[in-house]
């Protein structure tokens, strides 16, 4: 059974968590990260948009109801690419 002291974070744990969140935010906002994630999102998102909504795009009959799913086709790959970049940098810095 765990003691009560291990369940509550200490001041040093809180400071380490704050530094980790700050480090992740800084990596996410780096120009190279944004450029690489945006390139991935543009390529993968366009492919997904055509796979999911190709007939509507080609026919020109897009409805407003397709806007949010089509935007997610770009947002999700951006988030996945950013996460991969952050994880790669984290692993490289902890070797």
C-alpha atoms as a PDB file:
ATOM      1  CA  UNK A   1       0.000   0.000   0.000  1.00  0.00           C
ATOM      2  CA  UNK A   2       1.272   3.485  -0.833  1.00  0.00           C
ATOM      3  CA  UNK A   3       1.888   6.002   1.877  1.00  0.00           C
ATOM      4  CA  UNK A   4       0.052   9.299   1.832  1.00  0.00           C
ATOM      5  CA  UNK A   5       3.256  11.254   1.130  1.00  0.00           C
ATOM      6  CA  UNK A   6       3.779   9.499  -2.212  1.00  0.00           C
ATOM      7  CA  UNK A   7       0.303  10.421  -3.414  1.00  0.00           C
ATOM      8  CA  UNK A   8       0.741  14.170  -3.034  1.00  0.00           C
ATOM      9  CA  UNK A   9       3.359  15.818  -5.251  1.00  0.00           C
ATOM     10  CA  UNK A  10       6.215  17.547  -3.515  1.00  0.00           C
ATOM     11  CA  UNK A  11       7.397  21.028  -4.377  1.00  0.00           C
ATOM     12  CA  UNK A  12      10.230  19.602  -6.491  1.00  0.00           C
ATOM     13  CA  UNK A  13       7.750  17.401  -8.395  1.00  0.00           C
ATOM     14  CA  UNK A  14       5.588  20.448  -9.084  1.00  0.00           C
ATOM     15  CA  UNK A  15       8.583  22.449 -10.289  1.00  0.00           C
ATOM     16  CA  UNK A  16       9.714  19.576 -12.518  1.00  0.00           C
ATOM     17  CA  UNK A  17       6.222  19.250 -13.998  1.00  0.00           C
ATOM     18  CA  UNK A  18       6.133  22.996 -14.661  1.00  0.00           C
ATOM     19  CA  UNK A  19       9.500  22.846 -16.431  1.00  0.00           C
ATOM     20  CA  UNK A  20       8.352  19.845 -18.463  1.00  0.00           C
ATOM     21  CA  UNK A  21       5.170  21.597 -19.592  1.00  0.00           C
ATOM     22  CA  UNK A  22       7.193  24.696 -20.465  1.00  0.00           C
ATOM     23  CA  UNK A  23       9.724  22.615 -22.418  1.00  0.00           C
ATOM     24  CA  UNK A  24       6.946  20.868 -24.382  1.00  0.00           C
ATOM     25  CA  UNK A  25       5.295  24.220 -25.162  1.00  0.00           C
ATOM     26  CA  UNK A  26       8.601  25.669 -26.374  1.00  0.00           C
ATOM     27  CA  UNK A  27       9.240  22.680 -28.652  1.00  0.00           C
ATOM     28  CA  UNK A  28       5.682  22.904 -30.030  1.00  0.00           C
ATOM     29  CA  UNK A  29       6.140  26.588 -30.839  1.00  0.00           C
ATOM     30  CA  UNK A  30       9.536  26.275 -32.542  1.00  0.00           C
ATOM     31  CA  UNK A  31       9.536  27.328 -36.178  1.00  0.00           C
ATOM     32  CA  UNK A  32      10.909  23.963 -37.324  1.00  0.00           C
ATOM     33  CA  UNK A  33       8.249  22.032 -35.425  1.00  0.00           C
ATOM     34  CA  UNK A  34       5.449  24.175 -36.831  1.00  0.00           C
ATOM     35  CA  UNK A  35       6.832  23.931 -40.372  1.00  0.00           C
ATOM     36  CA  UNK A  36       7.268  20.158 -40.260  1.00  0.00           C
ATOM     37  CA  UNK A  37       3.870  19.529 -38.622  1.00  0.00           C
ATOM     38  CA  UNK A  38       2.116  21.910 -41.034  1.00  0.00           C
ATOM     39  CA  UNK A  39       3.714  20.196 -44.042  1.00  0.00           C
ATOM     40  CA  UNK A  40       2.609  16.809 -42.740  1.00  0.00           C
ATOM     41  CA  UNK A  41      -0.902  18.113 -42.015  1.00  0.00           C
ATOM     42  CA  UNK A  42      -1.185  19.632 -45.483  1.00  0.00           C
ATOM     43  CA  UNK A  43      -0.171  16.420 -47.242  1.00  0.00           C
ATOM     44  CA  UNK A  44      -2.023  13.933 -45.033  1.00  0.00           C
ATOM     45  CA  UNK A  45      -5.027  16.223 -44.504  1.00  0.00           C
ATOM     46  CA  UNK A  46      -5.494  16.750 -48.232  1.00  0.00           C
ATOM     47  CA  UNK A  47      -5.269  13.027 -48.841  1.00  0.00           C
ATOM     48  CA  UNK A  48      -7.822  12.346 -46.076  1.00  0.00           C
ATOM     49  CA  UNK A  49     -10.117  15.108 -47.339  1.00  0.00           C
ATOM     50  CA  UNK A  50     -10.148  13.574 -50.821  1.00  0.00           C
ATOM     51  CA  UNK A  51     -10.638  10.067 -49.454  1.00  0.00           C
ATOM     52  CA  UNK A  52     -13.538  11.137 -47.227  1.00  0.00           C
ATOM     53  CA  UNK A  53     -15.106  13.928 -49.327  1.00  0.00           C
ATOM     54  CA  UNK A  54     -13.676  13.477 -52.812  1.00  0.00           C
ATOM     55  CA  UNK A  55     -16.967  13.228 -54.663  1.00  0.00           C
ATOM     56  CA  UNK A  56     -18.288  16.405 -53.000  1.00  0.00           C
ATOM     57  CA  UNK A  57     -15.039  18.275 -53.696  1.00  0.00           C
ATOM     58  CA  UNK A  58     -14.948  17.247 -57.353  1.00  0.00           C
ATOM     59  CA  UNK A  59     -18.639  17.967 -57.930  1.00  0.00           C
ATOM     60  CA  UNK A  60     -18.401  21.293 -56.089  1.00  0.00           C
ATOM     61  CA  UNK A  61     -21.369  20.409 -53.876  1.00  0.00           C
ATOM     62  CA  UNK A  62     -19.852  20.949 -50.465  1.00  0.00           C
ATOM     63  CA  UNK A  63     -22.287  21.488 -47.625  1.00  0.00           C
ATOM     64  CA  UNK A  64     -21.569  23.465 -44.482  1.00  0.00           C
ATOM     65  CA  UNK A  65     -21.986  20.244 -42.528  1.00  0.00           C
ATOM     66  CA  UNK A  66     -18.724  18.970 -44.062  1.00  0.00           C
ATOM     67  CA  UNK A  67     -16.619  21.903 -42.827  1.00  0.00           C
ATOM     68  CA  UNK A  68     -15.776  20.592 -39.360  1.00  0.00           C
ATOM     69  CA  UNK A  69     -14.985  17.007 -40.472  1.00  0.00           C
ATOM     70  CA  UNK A  70     -12.809  18.382 -43.259  1.00  0.00           C
ATOM     71  CA  UNK A  71     -10.967  20.696 -40.834  1.00  0.00           C
ATOM     72  CA  UNK A  72     -10.340  17.725 -38.555  1.00  0.00           C
ATOM     73  CA  UNK A  73      -8.697  16.018 -41.523  1.00  0.00           C
ATOM     74  CA  UNK A  74      -5.967  18.653 -41.154  1.00  0.00           C
ATOM     75  CA  UNK A  75      -5.955  19.269 -37.392  1.00  0.00           C
ATOM     76  CA  UNK A  76      -5.496  15.631 -36.365  1.00  0.00           C
ATOM     77  CA  UNK A  77      -2.388  15.018 -38.536  1.00  0.00           C
ATOM     78  CA  UNK A  78      -0.928  18.318 -37.277  1.00  0.00           C
ATOM     79  CA  UNK A  79      -1.367  17.219 -33.659  1.00  0.00           C
ATOM     80  CA  UNK A  80       0.013  13.740 -34.343  1.00  0.00           C
ATOM     81  CA  UNK A  81       3.063  15.140 -36.148  1.00  0.00           C
ATOM     82  CA  UNK A  82       3.695  17.655 -33.358  1.00  0.00           C
ATOM     83  CA  UNK A  83       3.406  14.914 -30.755  1.00  0.00           C
ATOM     84  CA  UNK A  84       5.887  12.764 -32.648  1.00  0.00           C
ATOM     85  CA  UNK A  85       8.370  15.625 -32.895  1.00  0.00           C
ATOM     86  CA  UNK A  86       8.078  16.368 -29.168  1.00  0.00           C
ATOM     87  CA  UNK A  87       8.508  12.692 -28.254  1.00  0.00           C
ATOM     88  CA  UNK A  88      11.533  12.372 -30.519  1.00  0.00           C
ATOM     89  CA  UNK A  89      13.154  15.455 -29.022  1.00  0.00           C
ATOM     90  CA  UNK A  90      12.358  14.243 -25.488  1.00  0.00           C
ATOM     91  CA  UNK A  91      13.960  10.872 -26.127  1.00  0.00           C
ATOM     92  CA  UNK A  92      16.994  12.453 -27.777  1.00  0.00           C
ATOM     93  CA  UNK A  93      17.498  14.845 -24.839  1.00  0.00           C
ATOM     94  CA  UNK A  94      17.247  12.063 -22.236  1.00  0.00           C
ATOM     95  CA  UNK A  95      19.946   9.811 -23.683  1.00  0.00           C
END
